[in-house]
C-alpha atoms as a PDB file:
ATOM      1  CA  MET A   1      -0.122   0.075   0.242  1.00  0.00           C
ATOM      2  CA  LYS A   2       1.370   3.401  -1.098  1.00  0.00           C
ATOM      3  CA  PHE A   3       2.187   6.155   1.360  1.00  0.00           C
ATOM      4  CA  ASP A   4       0.030   9.326   1.437  1.00  0.00           C
ATOM      5  CA  ASP A   5       2.517  11.945   0.267  1.00  0.00           C
ATOM      6  CA  ARG A   6       0.293  14.827   1.453  1.00  0.00           C
ATOM      7  CA  LEU A   7       0.172  13.595   5.003  1.00  0.00           C
ATOM      8  CA  ALA A   8       3.863  13.217   5.036  1.00  0.00           C
ATOM      9  CA  ASN A   9       4.194  16.993   3.545  1.00  0.00           C
ATOM     10  CA  LYS A  10       2.036  18.135   6.077  1.00  0.00           C
ATOM     11  CA  VAL A  11       4.021  16.629   8.940  1.00  0.00           C
ATOM     12  CA  ILE A  12       7.236  17.874   7.455  1.00  0.00           C
ATOM     13  CA  LYS A  13       5.754  21.415   7.212  1.00  0.00           C
ATOM     14  CA  LYS A  14       4.617  21.156  10.808  1.00  0.00           C
ATOM     15  CA  GLU A  15       8.220  20.001  12.043  1.00  0.00           C
ATOM     16  CA  GLU A  16       9.935  22.516   9.972  1.00  0.00           C
ATOM     17  CA  PHE A  17       7.433  25.225  11.442  1.00  0.00           C
ATOM     18  CA  GLU A  18       8.069  24.196  15.136  1.00  0.00           C
ATOM     19  CA  GLN A  19      11.786  24.043  14.453  1.00  0.00           C
ATOM     20  CA  GLN A  20      11.711  27.946  13.177  1.00  0.00           C
ATOM     21  CA  GLN A  21       9.598  28.749  16.207  1.00  0.00           C
ATOM     22  CA  GLN A  22      12.174  27.095  18.785  1.00  0.00           C
ATOM     23  CA  LYS A  23      14.931  29.237  16.869  1.00  0.00           C
ATOM     24  CA  LEU A  24      12.887  32.130  17.150  1.00  0.00           C
ATOM     25  CA  ARG A  25      12.079  31.650  20.839  1.00  0.00           C
ATOM     26  CA  LYS A  26      15.549  31.030  21.484  1.00  0.00           C
ATOM     27  CA  LYS A  27      16.707  34.350  19.391  1.00  0.00           C
ATOM     28  CA  TYR A  28      14.133  36.469  21.201  1.00  0.00           C
ATOM     29  CA  ASP A  29      14.286  34.992  24.705  1.00  0.00           C
ATOM     30  CA  VAL A  30      10.433  33.778  24.635  1.00  0.00           C
ATOM     31  CA  GLU A  31       9.761  30.982  27.401  1.00  0.00           C
ATOM     32  CA  GLU A  32       6.080  30.648  26.744  1.00  0.00           C
ATOM     33  CA  VAL A  33       5.025  27.943  24.292  1.00  0.00           C
ATOM     34  CA  GLY A  34       1.572  29.389  23.105  1.00  0.00           C
ATOM     35  CA  ILE A  35       3.477  32.652  21.388  1.00  0.00           C
ATOM     36  CA  ILE A  36       4.195  32.254  17.902  1.00  0.00           C
ATOM     37  CA  ARG A  37       6.877  34.579  16.385  1.00  0.00           C
ATOM     38  CA  ILE A  38       6.827  35.743  12.965  1.00  0.00           C
ATOM     39  CA  GLU A  39       9.476  37.590  11.236  1.00  0.00           C
ATOM     40  CA  LYS A  40       8.387  39.641   8.356  1.00  0.00           C
ATOM     41  CA  LYS A  41      11.055  41.106   5.764  1.00  0.00           C
ATOM     42  CA  ARG A  42      11.166  44.508   5.198  1.00  0.00           C
ATOM     43  CA  LEU A  43      10.696  46.417   1.831  1.00  0.00           C
ATOM     44  CA  THR A  44      14.402  47.222   1.397  1.00  0.00           C
ATOM     45  CA  GLU A  45      15.241  43.692   2.060  1.00  0.00           C
ATOM     46  CA  VAL A  46      12.608  42.269  -0.600  1.00  0.00           C
ATOM     47  CA  LEU A  47      13.990  45.008  -3.097  1.00  0.00           C
ATOM     48  CA  ILE A  48      17.456  44.225  -2.778  1.00  0.00           C
ATOM     49  CA  LYS A  49      16.792  40.509  -3.306  1.00  0.00           C
ATOM     50  CA  ASN A  50      14.738  41.416  -6.385  1.00  0.00           C
ATOM     51  CA  ILE A  51      17.071  43.656  -7.698  1.00  0.00           C
ATOM     52  CA  ILE A  52      19.836  40.803  -7.289  1.00  0.00           C
ATOM     53  CA  ILE A  53      17.504  38.218  -9.129  1.00  0.00           C
ATOM     54  CA  LEU A  54      17.202  40.602 -11.864  1.00  0.00           C
ATOM     55  CA  ILE A  55      20.829  41.271 -12.307  1.00  0.00           C
ATOM     56  CA  LYS A  56      21.652  37.577 -12.224  1.00  0.00           C
ATOM     57  CA  THR A  57      19.054  36.942 -14.961  1.00  0.00           C
ATOM     58  CA  ILE A  58      20.266  39.885 -17.024  1.00  0.00           C
ATOM     59  CA  LEU A  59      23.858  38.638 -16.559  1.00  0.00           C
ATOM     60  CA  GLY A  60      22.920  34.990 -17.600  1.00  0.00           C
ATOM     61  CA  ILE A  61      21.148  35.903 -20.623  1.00  0.00           C
ATOM     62  CA  ILE A  62      24.033  38.145 -21.585  1.00  0.00           C
ATOM     63  CA  HIS A  63      26.170  34.824 -20.804  1.00  0.00           C
ATOM     64  CA  ILE A  64      24.308  32.804 -23.131  1.00  0.00           C
ATOM     65  CA  LEU A  65      23.978  35.321 -26.028  1.00  0.00           C
ATOM     66  CA  LEU A  66      27.924  35.792 -25.939  1.00  0.00           C
ATOM     67  CA  SER A  67      28.569  31.897 -25.339  1.00  0.00           C
ATOM     68  CA  ALA A  68      26.495  31.651 -28.555  1.00  0.00           C
ATOM     69  CA  LEU A  69      28.111  34.352 -30.474  1.00  0.00           C
ATOM     70  CA  GLY A  70      31.667  32.527 -29.473  1.00  0.00           C
ATOM     71  CA  ALA A  71      30.488  29.274 -31.056  1.00  0.00           C
ATOM     72  CA  ILE A  72      29.112  30.815 -34.181  1.00  0.00           C
ATOM     73  CA  CYS A  73      32.629  32.720 -34.477  1.00  0.00           C
ATOM     74  CA  ILE A  74      34.519  29.246 -33.966  1.00  0.00           C
ATOM     75  CA  LEU A  75      32.471  27.469 -36.576  1.00  0.00           C
ATOM     76  CA  TYR A  76      32.624  29.931 -39.265  1.00  0.00           C
ATOM     77  CA  PRO A  77      35.816  31.812 -39.845  1.00  0.00           C
ATOM     78  CA  ASP A  78      34.141  34.792 -42.191  1.00  0.00           C
ATOM     79  CA  THR A  79      31.742  35.598 -38.980  1.00  0.00           C
ATOM     80  CA  ARG A  80      34.963  35.897 -36.619  1.00  0.00           C
ATOM     81  CA  VAL A  81      36.618  38.306 -38.899  1.00  0.00           C
ATOM     82  CA  ALA A  82      33.394  40.443 -39.269  1.00  0.00           C
ATOM     83  CA  MET A  83      32.776  40.232 -35.628  1.00  0.00           C
ATOM     84  CA  TYR A  84      36.287  41.198 -34.724  1.00  0.00           C
ATOM     85  CA  ASN A  85      36.025  44.381 -36.625  1.00  0.00           C
ATOM     86  CA  VAL A  86      32.839  44.906 -35.203  1.00  0.00           C
ATOM     87  CA  PHE A  87      34.105  44.721 -31.558  1.00  0.00           C
ATOM     88  CA  LYS A  88      37.008  46.494 -32.052  1.00  0.00           C
ATOM     89  CA  ASP A  89      34.906  49.720 -33.633  1.00  0.00           C
ATOM     90  CA  LEU A  90      32.538  49.395 -30.785  1.00  0.00           C
ATOM     91  CA  ILE A  91      35.787  49.494 -28.480  1.00  0.00           C
ATOM     92  CA  GLN A  92      37.299  52.249 -30.362  1.00  0.00           C
ATOM     93  CA  GLN A  93      33.817  54.253 -30.270  1.00  0.00           C
ATOM     94  CA  ALA A  94      33.482  53.833 -26.291  1.00  0.00           C
ATOM     95  CA  ILE A  95      36.978  55.113 -25.875  1.00  0.00           C
ATOM     96  CA  ASN A  96      36.319  58.292 -28.019  1.00  0.00           C
ATOM     97  CA  LEU A  97      32.689  58.868 -26.322  1.00  0.00           C
ATOM     98  CA  LEU A  98      34.787  58.670 -22.891  1.00  0.00           C
ATOM     99  CA  GLY A  99      37.577  61.016 -24.454  1.00  0.00           C
ATOM    100  CA  LEU A 100      40.535  58.856 -23.135  1.00  0.00           C
END
């Protein structure tokens, strides 16, 4: 007979909640058992977390695009020369724009 996963998940969640409450009681020196302590995240914590996730996602997408571009340049020599010229021109324009 198969074990019911829903019941097991409820028990696991309840145990995790109890462990979390024990840690919070210890952290805030609460002796009473009936008190439930809930920690809420502040707006700045949520914003920083979301900004970090956004930056990681953008960098991941850029990484994938540059990897694909590198693979294409390795496979096709004509593309390699064209991309070299494009990036060389791009760097030169950035230097001119910054006035260096």
